[in-house]
């Protein structure tokens, strides 16, 4: 799988460059075209389960046929529950925090029609997050008055994505569109720790275990069903 991903990492950028040199995309002079900036929100249907699903995009149109873009995907989920003591008034708690902040920088090659635009491009993705869990007066299942624990695991994601998209201009500065692509992603779960604090222990009240680094690579189809709504600042 890793070998196949390396081949795709070489093939996809090559295909992108071939498309960019295709005469289908007419080159316009930077000096003759005013630069514009657009901001768009991106909405995904419930059936979409992409690991990378950016919420907002900024696009700098360099001319009528090319643009730079920045995407942001910000996700943070907190799950908190209380654990009650059986036959008593004690209360413990477990809090899980999962977060991932992903950003991408990319380039688009565009073809403008009368009231629409089609494009293709390439972007690199960087994501930083964590997978943490904190337990107070519990072993995560039952109430234990003398026991606390924490689990901490940093996460990093690197990706390369080839994308294709289009948009229709409802007005000269408002558009709706969609986009799909192919993503090669490597997720690294960095070295973490699992710490148990047990005040009732007769040997060691503080035990910390190191969690080794692991990683996984995959190639995914991305962008299924996304609806893009944007505004152009002129």
C-alpha atoms as a PDB file:
ATOM      1  CA  UNK A   1       0.000   0.000   0.000  1.00  0.00           C
ATOM      2  CA  UNK A   2       2.811   2.409   0.910  1.00  0.00           C
ATOM      3  CA  UNK A   3       4.617   1.589  -2.353  1.00  0.00           C
ATOM      4  CA  UNK A   4       1.455   2.287  -4.346  1.00  0.00           C
ATOM      5  CA  UNK A   5       0.989   5.609  -2.571  1.00  0.00           C
ATOM      6  CA  UNK A   6       4.524   6.672  -3.489  1.00  0.00           C
ATOM      7  CA  UNK A   7       3.826   5.915  -7.140  1.00  0.00           C
ATOM      8  CA  UNK A   8       0.617   7.937  -6.990  1.00  0.00           C
ATOM      9  CA  UNK A   9       2.460  10.837  -5.352  1.00  0.00           C
ATOM     10  CA  UNK A  10       4.626  11.007  -8.485  1.00  0.00           C
ATOM     11  CA  UNK A  11       1.878  10.333 -11.026  1.00  0.00           C
ATOM     12  CA  UNK A  12      -0.779  12.773  -9.796  1.00  0.00           C
ATOM     13  CA  UNK A  13       1.395  15.930  -9.908  1.00  0.00           C
ATOM     14  CA  UNK A  14       2.626  14.891 -13.369  1.00  0.00           C
ATOM     15  CA  UNK A  15      -0.938  14.578 -14.641  1.00  0.00           C
ATOM     16  CA  UNK A  16      -1.731  17.955 -13.126  1.00  0.00           C
ATOM     17  CA  UNK A  17       1.157  19.610 -14.993  1.00  0.00           C
ATOM     18  CA  UNK A  18       0.065  17.987 -18.243  1.00  0.00           C
ATOM     19  CA  UNK A  19      -3.436  19.364 -17.788  1.00  0.00           C
ATOM     20  CA  UNK A  20      -2.067  22.814 -16.998  1.00  0.00           C
ATOM     21  CA  UNK A  21      -0.133  22.887 -20.271  1.00  0.00           C
ATOM     22  CA  UNK A  22      -3.167  21.816 -22.260  1.00  0.00           C
ATOM     23  CA  UNK A  23      -4.407  24.470 -24.649  1.00  0.00           C
ATOM     24  CA  UNK A  24      -7.892  24.072 -23.164  1.00  0.00           C
ATOM     25  CA  UNK A  25      -6.836  26.684 -20.626  1.00  0.00           C
ATOM     26  CA  UNK A  26      -6.110  30.024 -22.234  1.00  0.00           C
ATOM     27  CA  UNK A  27      -3.454  32.142 -20.528  1.00  0.00           C
ATOM     28  CA  UNK A  28      -4.328  35.740 -19.656  1.00  0.00           C
ATOM     29  CA  UNK A  29      -1.783  38.413 -18.819  1.00  0.00           C
ATOM     30  CA  UNK A  30      -1.521  39.402 -15.171  1.00  0.00           C
ATOM     31  CA  UNK A  31      -1.108  42.994 -16.265  1.00  0.00           C
ATOM     32  CA  UNK A  32      -4.465  42.969 -18.073  1.00  0.00           C
ATOM     33  CA  UNK A  33      -6.538  41.325 -15.359  1.00  0.00           C
ATOM     34  CA  UNK A  34      -7.476  42.707 -11.973  1.00  0.00           C
ATOM     35  CA  UNK A  35      -6.775  40.399  -9.037  1.00  0.00           C
ATOM     36  CA  UNK A  36      -9.827  39.403  -6.985  1.00  0.00           C
ATOM     37  CA  UNK A  37     -10.357  37.616  -3.674  1.00  0.00           C
ATOM     38  CA  UNK A  38     -13.212  35.241  -2.928  1.00  0.00           C
ATOM     39  CA  UNK A  39     -14.397  33.606   0.289  1.00  0.00           C
ATOM     40  CA  UNK A  40     -16.631  30.550   0.344  1.00  0.00           C
ATOM     41  CA  UNK A  41     -18.291  28.187   2.762  1.00  0.00           C
ATOM     42  CA  UNK A  42     -18.504  24.475   2.037  1.00  0.00           C
ATOM     43  CA  UNK A  43     -21.400  22.263   3.115  1.00  0.00           C
ATOM     44  CA  UNK A  44     -21.196  18.455   3.159  1.00  0.00           C
ATOM     45  CA  UNK A  45     -24.158  16.044   3.135  1.00  0.00           C
ATOM     46  CA  UNK A  46     -24.616  13.529   5.945  1.00  0.00           C
ATOM     47  CA  UNK A  47     -23.531  10.664   3.673  1.00  0.00           C
ATOM     48  CA  UNK A  48     -20.091  12.247   3.286  1.00  0.00           C
ATOM     49  CA  UNK A  49     -17.503  10.721   5.641  1.00  0.00           C
ATOM     50  CA  UNK A  50     -14.332  12.375   4.300  1.00  0.00           C
ATOM     51  CA  UNK A  51     -11.369  12.595   6.648  1.00  0.00           C
ATOM     52  CA  UNK A  52     -10.627  15.971   5.045  1.00  0.00           C
ATOM     53  CA  UNK A  53     -13.670  18.219   4.635  1.00  0.00           C
ATOM     54  CA  UNK A  54     -12.676  21.911   4.683  1.00  0.00           C
ATOM     55  CA  UNK A  55     -15.264  24.347   6.020  1.00  0.00           C
ATOM     56  CA  UNK A  56     -13.998  27.574   4.482  1.00  0.00           C
ATOM     57  CA  UNK A  57     -11.875  28.560   1.492  1.00  0.00           C
ATOM     58  CA  UNK A  58     -10.017  31.739   0.527  1.00  0.00           C
ATOM     59  CA  UNK A  59      -9.098  32.163  -3.129  1.00  0.00           C
ATOM     60  CA  UNK A  60      -6.818  34.757  -4.719  1.00  0.00           C
ATOM     61  CA  UNK A  61      -7.541  34.954  -8.444  1.00  0.00           C
ATOM     62  CA  UNK A  62      -4.263  35.981 -10.066  1.00  0.00           C
ATOM     63  CA  UNK A  63      -5.864  36.407 -13.494  1.00  0.00           C
ATOM     64  CA  UNK A  64      -8.684  34.911 -15.560  1.00  0.00           C
ATOM     65  CA  UNK A  65      -7.110  31.466 -15.664  1.00  0.00           C
ATOM     66  CA  UNK A  66      -5.249  30.821 -12.408  1.00  0.00           C
ATOM     67  CA  UNK A  67      -5.670  31.210  -8.664  1.00  0.00           C
ATOM     68  CA  UNK A  68      -4.053  30.430  -5.333  1.00  0.00           C
ATOM     69  CA  UNK A  69      -6.242  29.001  -2.576  1.00  0.00           C
ATOM     70  CA  UNK A  70      -6.171  28.302   1.148  1.00  0.00           C
ATOM     71  CA  UNK A  71      -8.589  25.847   2.783  1.00  0.00           C
ATOM     72  CA  UNK A  72      -9.287  25.425   6.482  1.00  0.00           C
ATOM     73  CA  UNK A  73     -10.900  22.445   8.209  1.00  0.00           C
ATOM     74  CA  UNK A  74     -11.399  22.964  11.943  1.00  0.00           C
ATOM     75  CA  UNK A  75     -12.898  20.164  14.038  1.00  0.00           C
ATOM     76  CA  UNK A  76     -13.063  19.835  17.817  1.00  0.00           C
ATOM     77  CA  UNK A  77     -15.295  17.439  19.720  1.00  0.00           C
ATOM     78  CA  UNK A  78     -15.598  17.120  23.505  1.00  0.00           C
ATOM     79  CA  UNK A  79     -17.420  14.179  25.092  1.00  0.00           C
ATOM     80  CA  UNK A  80     -18.061  14.446  28.829  1.00  0.00           C
ATOM     81  CA  UNK A  81     -19.877  11.977  31.054  1.00  0.00           C
ATOM     82  CA  UNK A  82     -20.274  11.459  34.765  1.00  0.00           C
ATOM     83  CA  UNK A  83     -19.922   8.124  36.544  1.00  0.00           C
ATOM     84  CA  UNK A  84     -21.918   7.734  39.750  1.00  0.00           C
ATOM     85  CA  UNK A  85     -20.903   5.669  42.759  1.00  0.00           C
ATOM     86  CA  UNK A  86     -23.083   2.613  43.302  1.00  0.00           C
ATOM     87  CA  UNK A  87     -24.781   2.916  46.660  1.00  0.00           C
ATOM     88  CA  UNK A  88     -23.153   6.264  47.436  1.00  0.00           C
ATOM     89  CA  UNK A  89     -22.944   9.943  46.560  1.00  0.00           C
ATOM     90  CA  UNK A  90     -19.563   9.899  44.803  1.00  0.00           C
ATOM     91  CA  UNK A  91     -19.214  11.287  41.284  1.00  0.00           C
ATOM     92  CA  UNK A  92     -16.437  10.601  38.796  1.00  0.00           C
ATOM     93  CA  UNK A  93     -16.044  11.875  35.254  1.00  0.00           C
ATOM     94  CA  UNK A  94     -14.509  11.052  31.889  1.00  0.00           C
ATOM     95  CA  UNK A  95     -13.727  13.749  29.333  1.00  0.00           C
ATOM     96  CA  UNK A  96     -12.587  12.923  25.794  1.00  0.00           C
ATOM     97  CA  UNK A  97     -11.171  15.646  23.547  1.00  0.00           C
ATOM     98  CA  UNK A  98     -10.624  14.963  19.857  1.00  0.00           C
ATOM     99  CA  UNK A  99      -9.436  17.823  17.675  1.00  0.00           C
ATOM    100  CA  UNK A 100      -7.946  18.285  14.217  1.00  0.00           C
ATOM    101  CA  UNK A 101      -6.982  21.575  12.589  1.00  0.00           C
ATOM    102  CA  UNK A 102      -6.159  21.146   8.906  1.00  0.00           C
ATOM    103  CA  UNK A 103      -4.971  23.728   6.392  1.00  0.00           C
ATOM    104  CA  UNK A 104      -4.103  23.433   2.723  1.00  0.00           C
ATOM    105  CA  UNK A 105      -2.335  25.596   0.171  1.00  0.00           C
ATOM    106  CA  UNK A 106      -3.083  24.954  -3.474  1.00  0.00           C
ATOM    107  CA  UNK A 107      -3.123  26.174  -7.057  1.00  0.00           C
ATOM    108  CA  UNK A 108      -6.051  26.205  -9.492  1.00  0.00           C
ATOM    109  CA  UNK A 109      -6.018  26.295 -13.281  1.00  0.00           C
ATOM    110  CA  UNK A 110      -9.314  27.748 -14.499  1.00  0.00           C
ATOM    111  CA  UNK A 111     -11.469  28.017 -17.591  1.00  0.00           C
ATOM    112  CA  UNK A 112     -14.059  30.795 -17.516  1.00  0.00           C
ATOM    113  CA  UNK A 113     -17.285  30.555 -19.495  1.00  0.00           C
ATOM    114  CA  UNK A 114     -20.092  33.107 -19.778  1.00  0.00           C
ATOM    115  CA  UNK A 115     -21.619  32.581 -16.318  1.00  0.00           C
ATOM    116  CA  UNK A 116     -19.629  29.654 -15.007  1.00  0.00           C
ATOM    117  CA  UNK A 117     -16.121  28.433 -14.284  1.00  0.00           C
ATOM    118  CA  UNK A 118     -14.435  25.013 -14.278  1.00  0.00           C
ATOM    119  CA  UNK A 119     -11.045  24.259 -12.788  1.00  0.00           C
ATOM    120  CA  UNK A 120      -8.551  21.647 -11.689  1.00  0.00           C
ATOM    121  CA  UNK A 121      -5.638  21.885  -9.311  1.00  0.00           C
ATOM    122  CA  UNK A 122      -3.268  20.507  -6.739  1.00  0.00           C
ATOM    123  CA  UNK A 123      -2.950  21.240  -3.016  1.00  0.00           C
ATOM    124  CA  UNK A 124      -0.843  20.162  -0.068  1.00  0.00           C
ATOM    125  CA  UNK A 125      -2.496  19.529   3.295  1.00  0.00           C
ATOM    126  CA  UNK A 126      -1.154  19.828   6.845  1.00  0.00           C
ATOM    127  CA  UNK A 127      -3.177  18.814   9.888  1.00  0.00           C
ATOM    128  CA  UNK A 128      -2.381  19.018  13.600  1.00  0.00           C
ATOM    129  CA  UNK A 129      -4.575  17.593  16.328  1.00  0.00           C
ATOM    130  CA  UNK A 130      -4.849  15.476  19.444  1.00  0.00           C
ATOM    131  CA  UNK A 131      -6.716  12.537  20.921  1.00  0.00           C
ATOM    132  CA  UNK A 132      -6.853  13.027  24.702  1.00  0.00           C
ATOM    133  CA  UNK A 133      -8.846  11.503  27.539  1.00  0.00           C
ATOM    134  CA  UNK A 134      -9.043  12.532  31.195  1.00  0.00           C
ATOM    135  CA  UNK A 135     -10.589  10.478  33.985  1.00  0.00           C
ATOM    136  CA  UNK A 136     -11.298  11.814  37.463  1.00  0.00           C
ATOM    137  CA  UNK A 137     -12.198   9.416  40.306  1.00  0.00           C
ATOM    138  CA  UNK A 138     -12.787   6.566  37.863  1.00  0.00           C
ATOM    139  CA  UNK A 139     -11.119   3.821  35.843  1.00  0.00           C
ATOM    140  CA  UNK A 140     -13.325   4.939  32.890  1.00  0.00           C
ATOM    141  CA  UNK A 141     -15.991   2.315  33.716  1.00  0.00           C
ATOM    142  CA  UNK A 142     -16.677   2.441  37.460  1.00  0.00           C
ATOM    143  CA  UNK A 143     -16.384   5.019  40.222  1.00  0.00           C
ATOM    144  CA  UNK A 144     -13.042   4.755  42.090  1.00  0.00           C
ATOM    145  CA  UNK A 145     -12.520   7.585  44.573  1.00  0.00           C
ATOM    146  CA  UNK A 146      -8.723   7.316  44.691  1.00  0.00           C
ATOM    147  CA  UNK A 147      -8.052   6.902  40.956  1.00  0.00           C
ATOM    148  CA  UNK A 148      -7.350   9.481  38.247  1.00  0.00           C
ATOM    149  CA  UNK A 149      -5.869   8.959  34.791  1.00  0.00           C
ATOM    150  CA  UNK A 150      -5.041  10.753  31.562  1.00  0.00           C
ATOM    151  CA  UNK A 151      -4.283   9.646  28.021  1.00  0.00           C
ATOM    152  CA  UNK A 152      -2.534  12.080  25.648  1.00  0.00           C
ATOM    153  CA  UNK A 153      -1.795  11.443  21.965  1.00  0.00           C
ATOM    154  CA  UNK A 154      -0.754  14.146  19.432  1.00  0.00           C
ATOM    155  CA  UNK A 155      -1.770  13.572  15.791  1.00  0.00           C
ATOM    156  CA  UNK A 156      -0.317  14.894  12.531  1.00  0.00           C
ATOM    157  CA  UNK A 157      -1.744  14.552   9.041  1.00  0.00           C
ATOM    158  CA  UNK A 158       0.023  15.203   5.722  1.00  0.00           C
ATOM    159  CA  UNK A 159      -1.719  14.958   2.377  1.00  0.00           C
ATOM    160  CA  UNK A 160      -1.583  15.684  -1.330  1.00  0.00           C
ATOM    161  CA  UNK A 161      -4.817  16.198  -3.246  1.00  0.00           C
ATOM    162  CA  UNK A 162      -5.721  16.564  -6.923  1.00  0.00           C
ATOM    163  CA  UNK A 163      -9.121  18.206  -7.359  1.00  0.00           C
ATOM    164  CA  UNK A 164     -11.641  19.144 -10.045  1.00  0.00           C
ATOM    165  CA  UNK A 165     -14.542  21.548  -9.667  1.00  0.00           C
ATOM    166  CA  UNK A 166     -16.966  23.998 -11.142  1.00  0.00           C
ATOM    167  CA  UNK A 167     -19.191  26.891 -10.153  1.00  0.00           C
ATOM    168  CA  UNK A 168     -22.101  28.902 -11.515  1.00  0.00           C
ATOM    169  CA  UNK A 169     -22.345  32.652 -10.950  1.00  0.00           C
ATOM    170  CA  UNK A 170     -25.812  33.640  -9.773  1.00  0.00           C
ATOM    171  CA  UNK A 171     -24.551  37.224  -9.847  1.00  0.00           C
ATOM    172  CA  UNK A 172     -21.180  38.605 -10.869  1.00  0.00           C
ATOM    173  CA  UNK A 173     -19.949  38.296  -7.281  1.00  0.00           C
ATOM    174  CA  UNK A 174     -21.981  35.345  -5.923  1.00  0.00           C
ATOM    175  CA  UNK A 175     -21.573  31.719  -6.985  1.00  0.00           C
ATOM    176  CA  UNK A 176     -22.517  28.167  -6.085  1.00  0.00           C
ATOM    177  CA  UNK A 177     -20.523  25.103  -7.068  1.00  0.00           C
ATOM    178  CA  UNK A 178     -19.116  21.710  -6.223  1.00  0.00           C
ATOM    179  CA  UNK A 179     -15.748  19.940  -6.181  1.00  0.00           C
ATOM    180  CA  UNK A 180     -14.302  16.434  -5.927  1.00  0.00           C
ATOM    181  CA  UNK A 181     -10.823  14.990  -5.894  1.00  0.00           C
ATOM    182  CA  UNK A 182      -8.388  12.252  -4.949  1.00  0.00           C
ATOM    183  CA  UNK A 183      -6.425  12.478  -1.716  1.00  0.00           C
ATOM    184  CA  UNK A 184      -3.283  10.668  -0.607  1.00  0.00           C
ATOM    185  CA  UNK A 185      -3.032  11.009   3.160  1.00  0.00           C
ATOM    186  CA  UNK A 186      -0.581   9.923   5.857  1.00  0.00           C
ATOM    187  CA  UNK A 187      -1.762  10.143   9.460  1.00  0.00           C
ATOM    188  CA  UNK A 188       0.845   9.872  12.218  1.00  0.00           C
ATOM    189  CA  UNK A 189      -0.141   9.160  15.799  1.00  0.00           C
ATOM    190  CA  UNK A 190       2.874  10.518  17.640  1.00  0.00           C
ATOM    191  CA  UNK A 191       4.425   9.298  20.871  1.00  0.00           C
ATOM    192  CA  UNK A 192       1.879   9.574  23.656  1.00  0.00           C
ATOM    193  CA  UNK A 193       1.502   8.842  27.347  1.00  0.00           C
ATOM    194  CA  UNK A 194      -0.950   7.033  29.595  1.00  0.00           C
ATOM    195  CA  UNK A 195      -0.697   8.146  33.216  1.00  0.00           C
ATOM    196  CA  UNK A 196      -2.493   6.584  36.190  1.00  0.00           C
ATOM    197  CA  UNK A 197      -2.595   8.347  39.569  1.00  0.00           C
ATOM    198  CA  UNK A 198      -3.742   5.988  42.325  1.00  0.00           C
ATOM    199  CA  UNK A 199      -3.635   7.405  45.832  1.00  0.00           C
ATOM    200  CA  UNK A 200      -4.507   4.013  47.321  1.00  0.00           C
ATOM    201  CA  UNK A 201      -1.586   2.190  45.700  1.00  0.00           C
ATOM    202  CA  UNK A 202       0.932   0.616  48.091  1.00  0.00           C
ATOM    203  CA  UNK A 203       3.640   0.412  45.404  1.00  0.00           C
ATOM    204  CA  UNK A 204       3.509   3.483  43.167  1.00  0.00           C
ATOM    205  CA  UNK A 205       0.929   6.251  43.201  1.00  0.00           C
ATOM    206  CA  UNK A 206       2.058   7.559  39.806  1.00  0.00           C
ATOM    207  CA  UNK A 207       2.512   5.164  36.871  1.00  0.00           C
ATOM    208  CA  UNK A 208       3.170   6.471  33.355  1.00  0.00           C
ATOM    209  CA  UNK A 209       3.350   4.322  30.228  1.00  0.00           C
ATOM    210  CA  UNK A 210       4.761   5.565  26.937  1.00  0.00           C
ATOM    211  CA  UNK A 211       2.710   4.904  23.796  1.00  0.00           C
ATOM    212  CA  UNK A 212       4.847   4.348  20.660  1.00  0.00           C
ATOM    213  CA  UNK A 213       4.334   6.246  17.425  1.00  0.00           C
ATOM    214  CA  UNK A 214       2.254   4.647  14.679  1.00  0.00           C
ATOM    215  CA  UNK A 215       1.148   5.800  11.231  1.00  0.00           C
ATOM    216  CA  UNK A 216      -1.141   4.822   8.377  1.00  0.00           C
ATOM    217  CA  UNK A 217      -1.353   5.864   4.714  1.00  0.00           C
ATOM    218  CA  UNK A 218      -4.351   5.729   2.410  1.00  0.00           C
ATOM    219  CA  UNK A 219      -5.721   7.021  -0.868  1.00  0.00           C
ATOM    220  CA  UNK A 220      -9.269   8.352  -0.790  1.00  0.00           C
ATOM    221  CA  UNK A 221     -11.909   9.870  -3.015  1.00  0.00           C
ATOM    222  CA  UNK A 222     -12.928  13.199  -1.457  1.00  0.00           C
ATOM    223  CA  UNK A 223     -15.574  15.862  -1.859  1.00  0.00           C
ATOM    224  CA  UNK A 224     -18.625  13.710  -2.594  1.00  0.00           C
ATOM    225  CA  UNK A 225     -21.740  15.897  -2.613  1.00  0.00           C
ATOM    226  CA  UNK A 226     -20.111  19.093  -1.341  1.00  0.00           C
ATOM    227  CA  UNK A 227     -21.966  22.335  -2.037  1.00  0.00           C
ATOM    228  CA  UNK A 228     -19.840  25.484  -2.260  1.00  0.00           C
ATOM    229  CA  UNK A 229     -21.288  28.969  -1.785  1.00  0.00           C
ATOM    230  CA  UNK A 230     -18.942  31.897  -2.341  1.00  0.00           C
ATOM    231  CA  UNK A 231     -18.662  35.665  -2.554  1.00  0.00           C
ATOM    232  CA  UNK A 232     -16.164  37.560  -4.712  1.00  0.00           C
ATOM    233  CA  UNK A 233     -14.668  40.846  -3.492  1.00  0.00           C
ATOM    234  CA  UNK A 234     -13.987  43.077  -6.481  1.00  0.00           C
END
